[in-house]
C-alpha atoms as a PDB file:
ATOM      1  CA  UNK A   1      -0.082   0.030   0.105  1.00  0.00           C
ATOM      2  CA  UNK A   2       0.978   3.591  -0.644  1.00  0.00           C
ATOM      3  CA  UNK A   3       1.246   6.059   2.260  1.00  0.00           C
ATOM      4  CA  UNK A   4      -1.741   7.957   1.253  1.00  0.00           C
ATOM      5  CA  UNK A   5      -3.890   4.692   1.516  1.00  0.00           C
ATOM      6  CA  UNK A   6      -3.581   4.874   5.149  1.00  0.00           C
ATOM      7  CA  UNK A   7      -4.958   8.339   5.693  1.00  0.00           C
ATOM      8  CA  UNK A   8      -8.368   8.692   7.368  1.00  0.00           C
ATOM      9  CA  UNK A   9     -10.119   8.321  10.626  1.00  0.00           C
ATOM     10  CA  UNK A  10      -9.371   5.355  12.777  1.00  0.00           C
ATOM     11  CA  UNK A  11     -10.698   3.998  16.047  1.00  0.00           C
ATOM     12  CA  UNK A  12      -8.237   2.070  18.443  1.00  0.00           C
ATOM     13  CA  UNK A  13      -8.913  -0.209  21.428  1.00  0.00           C
ATOM     14  CA  UNK A  14      -7.463  -3.089  23.262  1.00  0.00           C
ATOM     15  CA  UNK A  15      -7.560  -6.291  21.331  1.00  0.00           C
ATOM     16  CA  UNK A  16      -5.640  -9.653  20.917  1.00  0.00           C
ATOM     17  CA  UNK A  17      -2.831  -9.692  18.775  1.00  0.00           C
ATOM     18  CA  UNK A  18      -3.810 -11.546  15.593  1.00  0.00           C
ATOM     19  CA  UNK A  19      -2.648 -15.267  15.888  1.00  0.00           C
ATOM     20  CA  UNK A  20      -2.226 -15.131  19.725  1.00  0.00           C
ATOM     21  CA  UNK A  21      -6.008 -15.934  20.651  1.00  0.00           C
ATOM     22  CA  UNK A  22      -5.017 -19.558  22.269  1.00  0.00           C
ATOM     23  CA  UNK A  23      -2.239 -17.572  24.372  1.00  0.00           C
ATOM     24  CA  UNK A  24      -4.830 -15.391  26.057  1.00  0.00           C
ATOM     25  CA  UNK A  25      -4.877 -16.024  29.883  1.00  0.00           C
ATOM     26  CA  UNK A  26      -7.992 -15.730  31.886  1.00  0.00           C
ATOM     27  CA  UNK A  27      -7.037 -12.523  33.578  1.00  0.00           C
ATOM     28  CA  UNK A  28      -6.234 -11.030  30.238  1.00  0.00           C
ATOM     29  CA  UNK A  29      -9.659 -12.041  28.819  1.00  0.00           C
ATOM     30  CA  UNK A  30     -11.327 -10.598  31.810  1.00  0.00           C
ATOM     31  CA  UNK A  31      -9.436  -7.167  31.257  1.00  0.00           C
ATOM     32  CA  UNK A  32     -10.445  -7.210  27.496  1.00  0.00           C
ATOM     33  CA  UNK A  33     -14.137  -7.583  28.541  1.00  0.00           C
ATOM     34  CA  UNK A  34     -14.138  -4.712  30.852  1.00  0.00           C
ATOM     35  CA  UNK A  35     -11.507  -2.334  28.863  1.00  0.00           C
ATOM     36  CA  UNK A  36     -13.658  -0.808  26.343  1.00  0.00           C
ATOM     37  CA  UNK A  37     -11.759   2.674  26.199  1.00  0.00           C
ATOM     38  CA  UNK A  38     -11.230   3.564  22.464  1.00  0.00           C
ATOM     39  CA  UNK A  39      -8.811   6.098  21.009  1.00  0.00           C
ATOM     40  CA  UNK A  40      -9.479   8.407  17.884  1.00  0.00           C
ATOM     41  CA  UNK A  41      -6.783   8.553  15.450  1.00  0.00           C
ATOM     42  CA  UNK A  42      -6.879  10.858  12.528  1.00  0.00           C
ATOM     43  CA  UNK A  43      -4.189  10.110   9.780  1.00  0.00           C
ATOM     44  CA  UNK A  44      -4.400  13.063   7.713  1.00  0.00           C
ATOM     45  CA  UNK A  45      -3.281  12.966   3.744  1.00  0.00           C
ATOM     46  CA  UNK A  46      -0.913  15.867   4.283  1.00  0.00           C
ATOM     47  CA  UNK A  47       1.185  13.529   6.821  1.00  0.00           C
ATOM     48  CA  UNK A  48      -0.117  15.153  10.039  1.00  0.00           C
ATOM     49  CA  UNK A  49      -1.997  13.341  12.621  1.00  0.00           C
ATOM     50  CA  UNK A  50      -4.167  13.848  15.785  1.00  0.00           C
ATOM     51  CA  UNK A  51      -4.435  11.252  18.201  1.00  0.00           C
ATOM     52  CA  UNK A  52      -7.065  11.115  21.177  1.00  0.00           C
ATOM     53  CA  UNK A  53      -7.814  14.834  20.128  1.00  0.00           C
ATOM     54  CA  UNK A  54      -4.759  15.822  22.332  1.00  0.00           C
ATOM     55  CA  UNK A  55      -1.506  14.644  20.372  1.00  0.00           C
ATOM     56  CA  UNK A  56      -0.804  16.243  17.084  1.00  0.00           C
ATOM     57  CA  UNK A  57       2.249  15.406  14.884  1.00  0.00           C
ATOM     58  CA  UNK A  58       3.542  13.990  11.691  1.00  0.00           C
ATOM     59  CA  UNK A  59       3.316  10.584  10.309  1.00  0.00           C
ATOM     60  CA  UNK A  60       5.161   8.618   7.576  1.00  0.00           C
ATOM     61  CA  UNK A  61       4.818   5.237   6.293  1.00  0.00           C
ATOM     62  CA  UNK A  62       8.229   3.665   5.718  1.00  0.00           C
ATOM     63  CA  UNK A  63       9.799   0.210   6.094  1.00  0.00           C
ATOM     64  CA  UNK A  64       6.267  -1.428   6.079  1.00  0.00           C
ATOM     65  CA  UNK A  65       4.993   0.505   9.067  1.00  0.00           C
ATOM     66  CA  UNK A  66       3.602   3.850  10.274  1.00  0.00           C
ATOM     67  CA  UNK A  67       5.937   6.100  12.114  1.00  0.00           C
ATOM     68  CA  UNK A  68       4.236   8.636  14.393  1.00  0.00           C
ATOM     69  CA  UNK A  69       6.212  11.688  15.379  1.00  0.00           C
ATOM     70  CA  UNK A  70       4.202  13.886  17.945  1.00  0.00           C
ATOM     71  CA  UNK A  71       4.744  17.615  17.825  1.00  0.00           C
ATOM     72  CA  UNK A  72       2.262  19.013  20.119  1.00  0.00           C
ATOM     73  CA  UNK A  73       0.380  17.770  23.298  1.00  0.00           C
ATOM     74  CA  UNK A  74      -2.532  19.815  24.344  1.00  0.00           C
ATOM     75  CA  UNK A  75      -1.565  22.354  21.735  1.00  0.00           C
ATOM     76  CA  UNK A  76       1.906  22.912  23.271  1.00  0.00           C
ATOM     77  CA  UNK A  77       5.488  21.576  22.131  1.00  0.00           C
ATOM     78  CA  UNK A  78       7.575  19.709  24.655  1.00  0.00           C
ATOM     79  CA  UNK A  79       9.700  22.879  25.395  1.00  0.00           C
ATOM     80  CA  UNK A  80       6.558  24.985  25.966  1.00  0.00           C
ATOM     81  CA  UNK A  81       5.222  22.212  28.335  1.00  0.00           C
ATOM     82  CA  UNK A  82       8.155  22.258  30.307  1.00  0.00           C
ATOM     83  CA  UNK A  83       8.545  25.990  30.399  1.00  0.00           C
ATOM     84  CA  UNK A  84       4.889  26.270  31.724  1.00  0.00           C
ATOM     85  CA  UNK A  85       5.594  23.627  34.390  1.00  0.00           C
ATOM     86  CA  UNK A  86       8.724  25.393  35.599  1.00  0.00           C
ATOM     87  CA  UNK A  87       6.742  28.627  35.774  1.00  0.00           C
ATOM     88  CA  UNK A  88       4.115  26.977  37.669  1.00  0.00           C
ATOM     89  CA  UNK A  89       6.578  25.085  39.972  1.00  0.00           C
ATOM     90  CA  UNK A  90       5.117  21.796  38.886  1.00  0.00           C
ATOM     91  CA  UNK A  91       7.023  18.610  37.482  1.00  0.00           C
ATOM     92  CA  UNK A  92       6.170  17.771  34.039  1.00  0.00           C
ATOM     93  CA  UNK A  93       5.412  13.936  33.730  1.00  0.00           C
ATOM     94  CA  UNK A  94       4.316  13.628  30.129  1.00  0.00           C
ATOM     95  CA  UNK A  95       7.383  13.886  28.173  1.00  0.00           C
ATOM     96  CA  UNK A  96       6.876  10.308  26.903  1.00  0.00           C
ATOM     97  CA  UNK A  97       3.931  11.585  24.983  1.00  0.00           C
ATOM     98  CA  UNK A  98       6.219  13.151  22.676  1.00  0.00           C
ATOM     99  CA  UNK A  99       8.194   9.874  21.881  1.00  0.00           C
ATOM    100  CA  UNK A 100       8.026   8.480  18.434  1.00  0.00           C
ATOM    101  CA  UNK A 101       5.808   5.411  17.989  1.00  0.00           C
ATOM    102  CA  UNK A 102       4.921   2.797  15.417  1.00  0.00           C
ATOM    103  CA  UNK A 103       1.862   1.023  14.045  1.00  0.00           C
ATOM    104  CA  UNK A 104       2.189  -2.005  11.803  1.00  0.00           C
ATOM    105  CA  UNK A 105      -0.492  -3.325   9.301  1.00  0.00           C
ATOM    106  CA  UNK A 106      -2.353  -6.243  10.702  1.00  0.00           C
ATOM    107  CA  UNK A 107      -5.497  -8.322   9.439  1.00  0.00           C
ATOM    108  CA  UNK A 108      -7.792  -6.026  11.469  1.00  0.00           C
ATOM    109  CA  UNK A 109      -5.995  -2.682  10.392  1.00  0.00           C
ATOM    110  CA  UNK A 110      -3.136  -1.257  12.142  1.00  0.00           C
ATOM    111  CA  UNK A 111      -1.589  -2.694  15.568  1.00  0.00           C
ATOM    112  CA  UNK A 112       1.013  -1.487  18.056  1.00  0.00           C
ATOM    113  CA  UNK A 113       3.829  -3.658  17.529  1.00  0.00           C
ATOM    114  CA  UNK A 114       5.377  -5.928  20.493  1.00  0.00           C
ATOM    115  CA  UNK A 115       5.218  -9.440  21.690  1.00  0.00           C
ATOM    116  CA  UNK A 116       2.466  -9.081  24.196  1.00  0.00           C
ATOM    117  CA  UNK A 117      -0.768 -11.004  23.582  1.00  0.00           C
ATOM    118  CA  UNK A 118      -2.885  -7.875  24.179  1.00  0.00           C
ATOM    119  CA  UNK A 119      -2.209  -4.743  21.823  1.00  0.00           C
ATOM    120  CA  UNK A 120      -3.960  -1.652  20.729  1.00  0.00           C
ATOM    121  CA  UNK A 121      -5.508  -2.371  17.244  1.00  0.00           C
ATOM    122  CA  UNK A 122      -6.717   0.599  15.218  1.00  0.00           C
ATOM    123  CA  UNK A 123      -9.611  -0.068  12.670  1.00  0.00           C
ATOM    124  CA  UNK A 124     -11.190   2.267  10.129  1.00  0.00           C
ATOM    125  CA  UNK A 125     -13.925   4.279  11.253  1.00  0.00           C
END
């Protein structure tokens, strides 16, 4: 697929990694049943994204996966967030939000890579 083919609105939530259904432990099964939080992900055709209506950044499809590069959280860059916290004399604990992250194509749509049985799966809206 081309990068532009991934553009659009996606909805993510907890799910079982494809092919790992038999590895699901009873506690994990219960967690999946009660965890119904969903995450909106908008991949725009201009190469920008909006995640959970709070994180904005740039995305690119390369090496068979999507690379997402957060630029702003709640409308502020990392430097702006840190400065605001310093002024307010508070500790900024959300620097990880600005870390690059990835999504890989999977049968259901897009999955967060990893080895765990449970992952976040994004499906087209």
